[in-house]
Protein backbone atom coordinates (compact mmCIF):
# COMPACT_ATOMS: atom_id res chain seq x y z
CA MET A 1 131.67 201.52 114.73
CA LYS A 2 130.90 197.90 113.53
CA THR A 3 127.95 196.08 115.03
CA ASN A 4 128.83 192.72 116.50
CA CYS A 5 126.31 189.88 117.26
CA VAL A 6 127.63 187.21 119.68
CA VAL A 7 125.76 183.86 119.71
CA VAL A 8 125.76 182.08 123.06
CA PRO A 9 124.53 178.44 123.12
CA CYS A 10 122.97 177.54 126.54
CA TYR A 11 122.11 174.17 127.87
CA ASN A 12 121.20 173.94 131.61
CA GLU A 13 123.22 177.02 132.41
CA GLU A 14 121.07 178.14 135.45
CA PHE A 15 124.03 178.04 137.80
CA ARG A 16 126.81 178.77 135.31
CA LEU A 17 125.60 181.69 133.29
CA PRO A 18 127.47 184.94 134.53
CA VAL A 19 124.48 187.21 134.14
CA LYS A 20 126.11 190.21 135.71
CA ASP A 21 128.99 190.03 133.22
CA PHE A 22 126.58 189.90 130.28
CA GLU A 23 124.55 192.83 131.74
CA LYS A 24 127.77 194.85 132.19
CA SER A 25 128.71 194.33 128.56
CA LEU A 26 125.17 195.22 127.31
CA VAL A 27 125.36 198.44 129.24
CA GLU A 28 128.91 199.41 128.28
CA GLU A 29 129.28 198.14 124.70
CA ASN A 30 126.93 200.04 122.40
CA ASN A 31 127.87 197.96 119.32
CA LEU A 32 127.56 194.56 120.99
CA PHE A 33 124.44 192.36 120.82
CA PHE A 34 123.76 188.84 122.07
CA CYS A 35 121.71 186.04 120.65
CA PHE A 36 121.18 183.43 123.39
CA VAL A 37 120.04 179.98 122.17
CA ASN A 38 118.31 177.91 124.85
CA ASP A 39 119.17 174.35 123.62
CA GLY A 40 116.29 172.39 125.24
CA SER A 41 117.30 173.20 128.89
CA SER A 42 115.39 171.43 131.64
CA ASP A 43 116.27 173.95 134.39
CA GLN A 44 115.62 177.71 134.76
CA THR A 45 117.93 178.75 131.90
CA LEU A 46 115.09 179.95 129.60
CA LYS A 47 113.65 182.16 132.44
CA ILE A 48 117.01 183.79 133.09
CA LEU A 49 117.50 184.42 129.38
CA ASN A 50 114.02 185.92 129.04
CA ASP A 51 114.74 188.19 132.04
CA LEU A 52 117.84 189.53 130.19
CA TYR A 53 115.65 190.11 127.14
CA GLN A 54 113.17 192.14 129.25
CA LYS A 55 115.99 194.37 130.48
CA PHE A 56 117.69 194.75 127.02
CA PRO A 57 115.01 194.11 124.38
CA GLU A 58 116.83 195.98 121.68
CA LYS A 59 120.15 194.18 122.29
CA VAL A 60 119.20 190.62 123.24
CA LEU A 61 117.56 187.92 121.09
CA VAL A 62 116.42 184.71 122.77
CA VAL A 63 115.93 181.63 120.57
CA ASP A 64 114.22 178.77 122.35
CA LYS A 65 114.84 175.28 120.95
CA LYS A 66 112.48 172.80 122.58
CA GLN A 67 114.68 169.84 122.02
CA ASN A 68 118.40 169.63 122.93
CA ALA A 69 120.29 169.25 119.69
CA GLY A 70 123.92 170.02 120.90
CA LYS A 71 126.28 173.01 120.66
CA ALA A 72 126.86 172.83 116.89
CA ALA A 73 123.16 172.93 116.09
CA ALA A 74 122.62 175.66 118.61
CA ILE A 75 125.25 177.93 117.20
CA PHE A 76 124.11 177.23 113.65
CA THR A 77 120.54 178.13 114.55
CA GLY A 78 121.54 181.17 116.54
CA ILE A 79 123.68 182.68 113.74
CA ASN A 80 120.98 182.09 111.22
CA GLU A 81 118.37 183.73 113.43
CA ALA A 82 120.76 186.68 113.95
CA PHE A 83 120.99 187.07 110.16
CA ASN A 84 117.26 187.80 110.20
CA TRP A 85 117.29 189.93 113.38
CA LYS A 86 119.62 192.78 112.25
CA ASN A 87 122.19 193.52 109.60
CA PHE A 88 125.34 193.05 111.73
CA ASP A 89 128.89 193.59 110.53
CA ILE A 90 130.31 190.85 112.62
CA PHE A 91 129.00 187.42 113.79
CA GLY A 92 130.69 185.31 116.43
CA TYR A 93 130.08 183.00 119.32
CA LEU A 94 131.24 182.45 122.89
CA ASP A 95 130.70 179.77 125.53
CA ALA A 96 127.86 180.49 128.02
CA ASP A 97 130.28 180.33 131.01
CA LEU A 98 132.49 183.06 129.44
CA ALA A 99 135.58 181.08 129.80
CA THR A 100 136.69 183.58 127.28
CA SER A 101 135.48 186.98 128.56
CA VAL A 102 133.54 189.45 126.48
CA GLU A 103 136.43 191.89 126.76
CA GLU A 104 138.78 189.25 125.30
CA TYR A 105 136.34 188.46 122.52
CA SER A 106 136.13 192.12 121.62
CA ARG A 107 139.83 192.34 121.50
CA VAL A 108 140.02 189.35 119.17
CA CYS A 109 137.43 191.04 116.92
CA SER A 110 139.52 194.17 116.74
CA TYR A 111 141.78 192.27 114.26
CA LEU A 112 138.99 191.95 111.73
CA ASN A 113 139.47 194.19 108.72
CA GLU A 114 139.08 194.26 104.94
CA ASN A 115 141.59 191.55 104.53
CA ILE A 116 141.20 189.49 107.74
CA ILE A 117 137.63 188.08 107.75
CA PHE A 118 137.93 185.28 110.31
CA VAL A 119 139.56 185.53 113.68
CA PHE A 120 139.69 183.14 116.57
CA GLY A 121 141.22 182.97 119.96
CA SER A 122 143.99 180.67 121.01
CA ARG A 123 144.60 179.39 124.48
CA VAL A 124 148.43 179.49 124.54
CA ARG A 125 149.90 179.26 127.99
CA ARG A 126 152.80 181.66 128.18
CA ILE A 127 154.54 184.05 130.60
CA GLY A 128 152.45 187.19 131.11
CA SER A 129 149.12 185.54 130.16
CA HIS A 130 146.48 184.23 132.56
CA ILE A 131 145.45 180.92 130.96
CA LYS A 132 144.04 178.69 133.61
CA ARG A 133 143.35 175.14 132.34
CA ARG A 134 143.31 171.80 134.03
CA LEU A 135 146.19 169.57 133.02
CA HIS A 136 144.20 166.62 131.66
CA ARG A 137 142.04 168.96 129.56
CA HIS A 138 145.08 170.73 128.33
CA LEU A 139 146.75 167.36 127.20
CA ILE A 140 143.63 166.12 125.56
CA GLY A 141 143.26 169.49 123.81
CA ARG A 142 146.82 169.39 122.51
CA ILE A 143 146.30 165.92 121.06
CA PHE A 144 143.16 167.06 119.36
CA ALA A 145 144.73 170.25 118.14
CA THR A 146 147.68 168.45 116.70
CA LEU A 147 145.48 166.04 114.85
CA SER A 148 143.36 168.80 113.56
CA SER A 149 146.27 170.89 112.40
CA THR A 150 147.77 167.90 110.60
CA MET A 151 144.46 167.06 108.78
CA LEU A 152 143.95 170.73 107.86
CA ASP A 153 147.63 171.04 106.73
CA LEU A 154 147.55 174.44 108.49
CA PRO A 155 149.63 175.81 111.45
CA VAL A 156 146.62 176.20 113.76
CA TYR A 157 147.46 175.96 117.45
CA ASP A 158 144.01 175.81 118.86
CA THR A 159 140.98 174.92 116.71
CA GLN A 160 138.65 174.35 119.65
CA CYS A 161 138.75 177.67 121.47
CA GLY A 162 135.12 178.92 121.92
CA ALA A 163 135.79 182.40 120.79
CA LYS A 164 135.52 182.90 117.01
CA ALA A 165 134.29 185.81 114.83
CA PHE A 166 133.56 186.30 111.21
CA SER A 167 132.69 189.17 108.87
CA ASN A 168 129.14 189.30 107.63
CA GLU A 169 130.09 188.06 104.17
CA VAL A 170 132.01 185.00 105.23
CA ALA A 171 129.61 184.11 108.07
CA LYS A 172 126.77 183.83 105.51
CA LYS A 173 128.87 181.43 103.47
CA ILE A 174 130.08 179.27 106.39
CA PHE A 175 126.70 178.90 108.07
CA THR A 176 124.72 178.14 104.97
CA ASP A 177 124.66 174.38 105.66
CA PRO A 178 124.38 172.62 109.03
CA PHE A 179 127.41 170.94 110.62
CA ILE A 180 127.75 167.11 110.24
CA SER A 181 129.43 166.80 113.64
CA ASN A 182 128.36 168.14 117.05
CA TRP A 183 131.35 168.44 119.34
CA SER A 184 133.88 168.63 116.49
CA PHE A 185 132.13 171.37 114.56
CA ASP A 186 135.00 173.83 115.21
CA ILE A 187 137.19 171.79 112.88
CA GLU A 188 134.39 171.95 110.27
CA ILE A 189 134.52 175.70 110.41
CA PHE A 190 138.15 175.56 109.13
CA PHE A 191 137.29 173.11 106.32
CA LYS A 192 134.27 175.40 105.24
CA PHE A 193 136.64 178.48 105.38
CA ILE A 194 139.17 176.66 103.20
CA ASN A 195 136.44 175.92 100.73
CA VAL A 196 135.30 179.58 100.72
CA VAL A 197 138.61 181.37 100.32
CA GLY A 198 140.92 178.69 98.99
CA LYS A 199 143.70 176.83 100.83
CA ASP A 200 146.45 179.24 99.61
CA ASN A 201 144.49 182.23 101.00
CA VAL A 202 143.67 181.01 104.51
CA GLU A 203 146.69 182.42 106.21
CA ILE A 204 146.16 185.90 104.76
CA ARG A 205 142.39 185.99 105.33
CA ALA A 206 142.27 184.46 108.90
CA LYS A 207 144.21 185.29 112.07
CA GLU A 208 144.71 183.32 115.29
CA ILE A 209 145.13 185.59 118.38
CA PRO A 210 146.64 184.25 121.62
CA LEU A 211 144.29 185.12 124.47
CA GLU A 212 145.53 187.21 127.37
CA ALA A 213 143.12 185.44 129.72
CA TRP A 214 141.07 182.30 129.75
CA ARG A 215 139.63 180.24 132.66
CA ASP A 216 138.60 176.58 132.90
CA VAL A 217 135.05 176.88 134.27
CA GLY A 218 133.37 173.71 135.65
CA ASP A 219 133.48 170.36 134.00
CA SER A 220 133.37 169.79 130.29
CA LYS A 221 130.06 168.63 128.91
CA VAL A 222 131.92 166.46 126.35
CA LYS A 223 132.11 162.84 127.69
CA PHE A 224 135.49 161.21 127.92
CA SER A 225 134.36 158.34 125.73
CA TYR A 226 133.86 160.86 122.92
CA SER A 227 137.53 161.70 123.03
CA LEU A 228 138.30 158.05 122.00
CA LYS A 229 136.21 158.53 118.87
CA LEU A 230 137.79 161.83 117.84
CA PRO A 231 140.44 160.50 115.37
CA PHE A 232 137.60 158.62 113.45
CA GLU A 233 135.35 161.72 113.67
CA LEU A 234 138.11 163.93 112.21
CA PHE A 235 138.73 161.50 109.35
CA ARG A 236 134.95 161.50 108.59
CA ILE A 237 134.81 165.28 108.57
CA LYS A 238 137.93 165.47 106.33
CA ARG A 239 136.43 163.03 103.78
CA TYR A 240 133.19 164.98 103.75
CA TYR A 241 134.71 168.40 102.99
CA LYS A 242 137.23 167.08 100.54
CA LYS A 243 134.26 165.96 98.44
CA ALA A 244 132.50 169.39 98.80
């Protein structure tokens, strides 16, 4: 069974972190490991993470960043720390609030194989699924996703879903260099992946999996003013990776 390390960026998650859900997964999933990155939290997040480590020292790694540097830097740091922790087969990440559950993440990862080396969830609202998302966030997300898909020239429905996983080999290529953007780093992942496998191979080496369940937990930490800058940020990212 393939070993899987999930990086979880944490910033002031004292009242949002579903500790019991993480503990349940750590007990039940023998092949699942977690790398929690405390991103300069000012509350009791680090204490909660260290308590988890004390309970599961072989399956939990806690990385403490003294200064808050944002989600992109936290995930980049966490995955690189995980490279040095153990030789995992799969590397991925999830949001700390588990908007995408660990069970859904594992289901997404089940699509990884010798040919598919990058998988990611997609929050498609459809009959039979349980995708609970506030209307304004859904609309903003669709605008961003449409812009992203157009710039990538790929039929991606949801670039921003916080559930992504990579084979060991491709993870080490994608996470070699830091991201140039903080809240738009997900789109960078796709540009990095294009540069690794080639544009013509993306649709045969990656797979987008519609989630069966996803829940909108709390308020977004992305300020509304940032959404106004998104088109310019996307153009900046595209120019950067076209030169790479």
